[in-house]
C-alpha cells in the first residue's frame, strides 16, 4: 500500500529516549528517535494489537 502523506496519524512520537539502568551500566537503547505511523500504514498494525510494554517509565 503506498504512503498517503495526508493520512491521519495513528501514532506520533518525538524525541523518544529509552535507557536501561543497572548497577553495572546504563544502556541507551534508543536516543532521540522521531516517527509517525498513519492509520492506513501496514507497519502500524502492531500499534493496535500490541500489549502494554513491560518496561517501566522513569522521569
PDB file of N, CA and C in Angstrom:
ATOM      1  N   UNK A   1       0.851  -1.170   0.000  1.00  0.00           N
ATOM      2  CA  UNK A   1       0.000   0.000   0.000  1.00  0.00           C
ATOM      3  C   UNK A   1       0.900   1.238   0.000  1.00  0.00           C
ATOM      4  N   UNK A   2       0.694   2.176  -0.897  1.00  0.00           N
ATOM      5  CA  UNK A   2       1.511   3.387  -0.947  1.00  0.00           C
ATOM      6  C   UNK A   2       1.245   4.298   0.250  1.00  0.00           C
ATOM      7  N   UNK A   3       2.262   5.055   0.605  1.00  0.00           N
ATOM      8  CA  UNK A   3       2.148   6.004   1.720  1.00  0.00           C
ATOM      9  C   UNK A   3       1.271   7.171   1.312  1.00  0.00           C
ATOM     10  N   UNK A   4       0.338   7.551   2.172  1.00  0.00           N
ATOM     11  CA  UNK A   4      -0.556   8.686   1.937  1.00  0.00           C
ATOM     12  C   UNK A   4      -0.155   9.812   2.884  1.00  0.00           C
ATOM     13  N   UNK A   5       0.541  10.863   2.394  1.00  0.00           N
ATOM     14  CA  UNK A   5       1.003  11.936   3.276  1.00  0.00           C
ATOM     15  C   UNK A   5      -0.125  12.675   3.981  1.00  0.00           C
ATOM     16  N   UNK A   6      -1.350  12.600   3.462  1.00  0.00           N
ATOM     17  CA  UNK A   6      -2.476  13.281   4.089  1.00  0.00           C
ATOM     18  C   UNK A   6      -3.215  12.431   5.106  1.00  0.00           C
ATOM     19  N   UNK A   7      -2.771  11.186   5.324  1.00  0.00           N
ATOM     20  CA  UNK A   7      -3.469  10.291   6.250  1.00  0.00           C
ATOM     21  C   UNK A   7      -3.321  10.769   7.690  1.00  0.00           C
ATOM     22  N   UNK A   8      -4.352  10.533   8.480  1.00  0.00           N
ATOM     23  CA  UNK A   8      -4.350  10.916   9.888  1.00  0.00           C
ATOM     24  C   UNK A   8      -3.364  10.030  10.662  1.00  0.00           C
ATOM     25  N   UNK A   9      -2.498  10.634  11.506  1.00  0.00           N
ATOM     26  CA  UNK A   9      -1.547   9.829  12.275  1.00  0.00           C
ATOM     27  C   UNK A   9      -2.251   8.935  13.295  1.00  0.00           C
ATOM     28  N   UNK A  10      -1.806   7.693  13.390  1.00  0.00           N
ATOM     29  CA  UNK A  10      -2.275   6.778  14.417  1.00  0.00           C
ATOM     30  C   UNK A  10      -1.382   6.914  15.645  1.00  0.00           C
ATOM     31  N   UNK A  11      -0.067   7.013  15.386  1.00  0.00           N
ATOM     32  CA  UNK A  11       0.925   7.179  16.450  1.00  0.00           C
ATOM     33  C   UNK A  11       1.926   8.216  15.989  1.00  0.00           C
ATOM     34  N   UNK A  12       2.239   9.170  16.853  1.00  0.00           N
ATOM     35  CA  UNK A  12       3.272  10.157  16.543  1.00  0.00           C
ATOM     36  C   UNK A  12       4.172  10.290  17.770  1.00  0.00           C
ATOM     37  N   UNK A  13       5.464  10.050  17.585  1.00  0.00           N
ATOM     38  CA  UNK A  13       6.438  10.084  18.680  1.00  0.00           C
ATOM     39  C   UNK A  13       7.562  11.030  18.297  1.00  0.00           C
ATOM     40  N   UNK A  14       7.955  11.888  19.231  1.00  0.00           N
ATOM     41  CA  UNK A  14       9.054  12.834  19.001  1.00  0.00           C
ATOM     42  C   UNK A  14      10.030  12.759  20.175  1.00  0.00           C
ATOM     43  N   UNK A  15      11.305  12.607  19.865  1.00  0.00           N
ATOM     44  CA  UNK A  15      12.353  12.627  20.881  1.00  0.00           C
ATOM     45  C   UNK A  15      12.333  11.454  21.843  1.00  0.00           C
ATOM     46  N   UNK A  16      11.998  10.270  21.354  1.00  0.00           N
ATOM     47  CA  UNK A  16      11.938   9.084  22.213  1.00  0.00           C
ATOM     48  C   UNK A  16      13.334   8.694  22.701  1.00  0.00           C
ATOM     49  N   UNK A  17      13.460   8.543  24.005  1.00  0.00           N
ATOM     50  CA  UNK A  17      14.705   8.087  24.634  1.00  0.00           C
ATOM     51  C   UNK A  17      14.366   6.923  25.549  1.00  0.00           C
ATOM     52  N   UNK A  18      15.106   5.821  25.422  1.00  0.00           N
ATOM     53  CA  UNK A  18      14.921   4.662  26.292  1.00  0.00           C
ATOM     54  C   UNK A  18      16.283   4.249  26.820  1.00  0.00           C
ATOM     55  N   UNK A  19      16.380   4.159  28.159  1.00  0.00           N
ATOM     56  CA  UNK A  19      17.619   3.718  28.799  1.00  0.00           C
ATOM     57  C   UNK A  19      17.292   2.596  29.769  1.00  0.00           C
ATOM     58  N   UNK A  20      18.190   1.637  29.857  1.00  0.00           N
ATOM     59  CA  UNK A  20      18.083   0.569  30.838  1.00  0.00           C
ATOM     60  C   UNK A  20      19.258   0.730  31.789  1.00  0.00           C
ATOM     61  N   UNK A  21      18.936   0.889  33.079  1.00  0.00           N
ATOM     62  CA  UNK A  21      19.961   1.164  34.087  1.00  0.00           C
ATOM     63  C   UNK A  21      20.105  -0.043  35.006  1.00  0.00           C
ATOM     64  N   UNK A  22      21.350  -0.449  35.225  1.00  0.00           N
ATOM     65  CA  UNK A  22      21.654  -1.492  36.201  1.00  0.00           C
ATOM     66  C   UNK A  22      22.774  -0.982  37.099  1.00  0.00           C
ATOM     67  N   UNK A  23      23.186  -1.766  38.047  1.00  0.00           N
ATOM     68  CA  UNK A  23      24.297  -1.352  38.913  1.00  0.00           C
ATOM     69  C   UNK A  23      25.591  -1.226  38.126  1.00  0.00           C
ATOM     70  N   UNK A  24      25.741  -2.028  37.097  1.00  0.00           N
ATOM     71  CA  UNK A  24      26.981  -2.059  36.330  1.00  0.00           C
ATOM     72  C   UNK A  24      27.063  -1.008  35.227  1.00  0.00           C
ATOM     73  N   UNK A  25      25.918  -0.688  34.608  1.00  0.00           N
ATOM     74  CA  UNK A  25      25.976   0.206  33.442  1.00  0.00           C
ATOM     75  C   UNK A  25      24.603   0.764  33.104  1.00  0.00           C
ATOM     76  N   UNK A  26      24.617   1.812  32.293  1.00  0.00           N
ATOM     77  CA  UNK A  26      23.409   2.350  31.676  1.00  0.00           C
ATOM     78  C   UNK A  26      23.522   2.120  30.179  1.00  0.00           C
ATOM     79  N   UNK A  27      22.501   1.496  29.601  1.00  0.00           N
ATOM     80  CA  UNK A  27      22.490   1.215  28.164  1.00  0.00           C
ATOM     81  C   UNK A  27      21.456   2.120  27.514  1.00  0.00           C
ATOM     82  N   UNK A  28      21.892   2.910  26.540  1.00  0.00           N
ATOM     83  CA  UNK A  28      20.975   3.748  25.765  1.00  0.00           C
ATOM     84  C   UNK A  28      20.448   2.907  24.609  1.00  0.00           C
ATOM     85  N   UNK A  29      19.227   2.422  24.756  1.00  0.00           N
ATOM     86  CA  UNK A  29      18.635   1.568  23.736  1.00  0.00           C
ATOM     87  C   UNK A  29      18.117   2.396  22.562  1.00  0.00           C
ATOM     88  N   UNK A  30      17.547   3.554  22.855  1.00  0.00           N
ATOM     89  CA  UNK A  30      17.010   4.464  21.836  1.00  0.00           C
ATOM     90  C   UNK A  30      17.354   5.871  22.289  1.00  0.00           C
ATOM     91  N   UNK A  31      17.799   6.709  21.359  1.00  0.00           N
ATOM     92  CA  UNK A  31      18.221   8.055  21.725  1.00  0.00           C
ATOM     93  C   UNK A  31      17.724   9.071  20.698  1.00  0.00           C
ATOM     94  N   UNK A  32      16.661   9.813  21.051  1.00  0.00           N
ATOM     95  CA  UNK A  32      16.170  10.897  20.205  1.00  0.00           C
ATOM     96  C   UNK A  32      15.496  10.464  18.915  1.00  0.00           C
ATOM     97  N   UNK A  33      14.680   9.422  18.962  1.00  0.00           N
ATOM     98  CA  UNK A  33      14.019   8.910  17.754  1.00  0.00           C
ATOM     99  C   UNK A  33      12.666   9.601  17.553  1.00  0.00           C
ATOM    100  N   UNK A  34      12.388  10.002  16.318  1.00  0.00           N
ATOM    101  CA  UNK A  34      11.093  10.568  15.923  1.00  0.00           C
ATOM    102  C   UNK A  34      10.467   9.642  14.887  1.00  0.00           C
ATOM    103  N   UNK A  35       9.149   9.389  15.017  1.00  0.00           N
ATOM    104  CA  UNK A  35       8.467   8.638  13.963  1.00  0.00           C
ATOM    105  C   UNK A  35       6.968   8.896  14.030  1.00  0.00           C
ATOM    106  N   UNK A  36       6.315   8.689  12.885  1.00  0.00           N
ATOM    107  CA  UNK A  36       4.871   8.817  12.757  1.00  0.00           C
ATOM    108  C   UNK A  36       4.362   7.626  11.960  1.00  0.00           C
ATOM    109  N   UNK A  37       3.288   7.012  12.441  1.00  0.00           N
ATOM    110  CA  UNK A  37       2.639   5.927  11.708  1.00  0.00           C
ATOM    111  C   UNK A  37       1.219   6.366  11.386  1.00  0.00           C
ATOM    112  N   UNK A  38       0.840   6.263  10.123  1.00  0.00           N
ATOM    113  CA  UNK A  38      -0.505   6.634   9.688  1.00  0.00           C
ATOM    114  C   UNK A  38      -1.461   5.468   9.911  1.00  0.00           C
ATOM    115  N   UNK A  39      -2.752   5.759   9.997  1.00  0.00           N
ATOM    116  CA  UNK A  39      -3.768   4.718  10.212  1.00  0.00           C
ATOM    117  C   UNK A  39      -3.754   3.666   9.116  1.00  0.00           C
ATOM    118  N   UNK A  40      -3.472   4.069   7.881  1.00  0.00           N
ATOM    119  CA  UNK A  40      -3.505   3.115   6.774  1.00  0.00           C
ATOM    120  C   UNK A  40      -2.141   2.507   6.472  1.00  0.00           C
ATOM    121  N   UNK A  41      -1.145   2.745   7.316  1.00  0.00           N
ATOM    122  CA  UNK A  41       0.207   2.204   7.111  1.00  0.00           C
ATOM    123  C   UNK A  41       0.240   0.762   7.620  1.00  0.00           C
ATOM    124  N   UNK A  42       0.613  -0.210   6.773  1.00  0.00           N
ATOM    125  CA  UNK A  42       0.638  -1.611   7.210  1.00  0.00           C
ATOM    126  C   UNK A  42       1.567  -1.853   8.402  1.00  0.00           C
ATOM    127  N   UNK A  43       2.618  -1.072   8.541  1.00  0.00           N
ATOM    128  CA  UNK A  43       3.531  -1.268   9.667  1.00  0.00           C
ATOM    129  C   UNK A  43       2.929  -0.786  10.976  1.00  0.00           C
ATOM    130  N   UNK A  44       1.774  -0.116  10.944  1.00  0.00           N
ATOM    131  CA  UNK A  44       1.128   0.378  12.162  1.00  0.00           C
ATOM    132  C   UNK A  44       0.239  -0.675  12.806  1.00  0.00           C
ATOM    133  N   UNK A  45       0.097  -1.842  12.216  1.00  0.00           N
ATOM    134  CA  UNK A  45      -0.798  -2.857  12.775  1.00  0.00           C
ATOM    135  C   UNK A  45      -0.379  -3.278  14.175  1.00  0.00           C
ATOM    136  N   UNK A  46       0.911  -3.228  14.510  1.00  0.00           N
ATOM    137  CA  UNK A  46       1.364  -3.580  15.859  1.00  0.00           C
ATOM    138  C   UNK A  46       0.836  -2.602  16.891  1.00  0.00           C
ATOM    139  N   UNK A  47       0.626  -1.346  16.512  1.00  0.00           N
ATOM    140  CA  UNK A  47       0.176  -0.333  17.469  1.00  0.00           C
ATOM    141  C   UNK A  47      -1.243  -0.615  17.950  1.00  0.00           C
ATOM    142  N   UNK A  48      -2.052  -1.238  17.129  1.00  0.00           N
ATOM    143  CA  UNK A  48      -3.419  -1.562  17.519  1.00  0.00           C
ATOM    144  C   UNK A  48      -3.489  -2.865  18.294  1.00  0.00           C
ATOM    145  N   UNK A  49      -2.547  -3.779  18.075  1.00  0.00           N
ATOM    146  CA  UNK A  49      -2.640  -5.115  18.647  1.00  0.00           C
ATOM    147  C   UNK A  49      -1.641  -5.389  19.763  1.00  0.00           C
ATOM    148  N   UNK A  50      -0.615  -4.562  19.921  1.00  0.00           N
ATOM    149  CA  UNK A  50       0.455  -4.857  20.886  1.00  0.00           C
ATOM    150  C   UNK A  50      -0.026  -4.680  22.323  1.00  0.00           C
ATOM    151  N   UNK A  51       0.376  -5.605  23.207  1.00  0.00           N
ATOM    152  CA  UNK A  51       0.052  -5.430  24.624  1.00  0.00           C
ATOM    153  C   UNK A  51       0.915  -4.324  25.216  1.00  0.00           C
ATOM    154  N   UNK A  52       0.581  -3.883  26.408  1.00  0.00           N
ATOM    155  CA  UNK A  52       1.356  -2.835  27.078  1.00  0.00           C
ATOM    156  C   UNK A  52       2.788  -3.284  27.301  1.00  0.00           C
ATOM    157  N   UNK A  53       3.703  -2.342  27.218  1.00  0.00           N
ATOM    158  CA  UNK A  53       5.115  -2.627  27.421  1.00  0.00           C
ATOM    159  C   UNK A  53       5.389  -3.019  28.860  1.00  0.00           C
ATOM    160  N   UNK A  54       6.373  -3.871  29.055  1.00  0.00           N
ATOM    161  CA  UNK A  54       6.767  -4.262  30.412  1.00  0.00           C
ATOM    162  C   UNK A  54       7.898  -3.376  30.933  1.00  0.00           C
ATOM    163  N   UNK A  55       8.399  -2.469  30.122  1.00  0.00           N
ATOM    164  CA  UNK A  55       9.447  -1.546  30.578  1.00  0.00           C
ATOM    165  C   UNK A  55       8.803  -0.458  31.427  1.00  0.00           C
ATOM    166  N   UNK A  56       9.452  -0.096  32.514  1.00  0.00           N
ATOM    167  CA  UNK A  56       8.935   0.964  33.372  1.00  0.00           C
ATOM    168  C   UNK A  56       9.418   2.310  32.853  1.00  0.00           C
ATOM    169  N   UNK A  57       8.586   3.303  32.974  1.00  0.00           N
ATOM    170  CA  UNK A  57       8.966   4.661  32.586  1.00  0.00           C
ATOM    171  C   UNK A  57       9.461   5.387  33.815  1.00  0.00           C
ATOM    172  N   UNK A  58      10.649   5.971  33.706  1.00  0.00           N
ATOM    173  CA  UNK A  58      11.200   6.753  34.804  1.00  0.00           C
ATOM    174  C   UNK A  58      11.348   8.191  34.357  1.00  0.00           C
ATOM    175  N   UNK A  59      11.112   9.106  35.239  1.00  0.00           N
ATOM    176  CA  UNK A  59      11.258  10.524  34.906  1.00  0.00           C
ATOM    177  C   UNK A  59      12.381  11.101  35.691  1.00  0.00           C
TER     178      UNK A  59
END
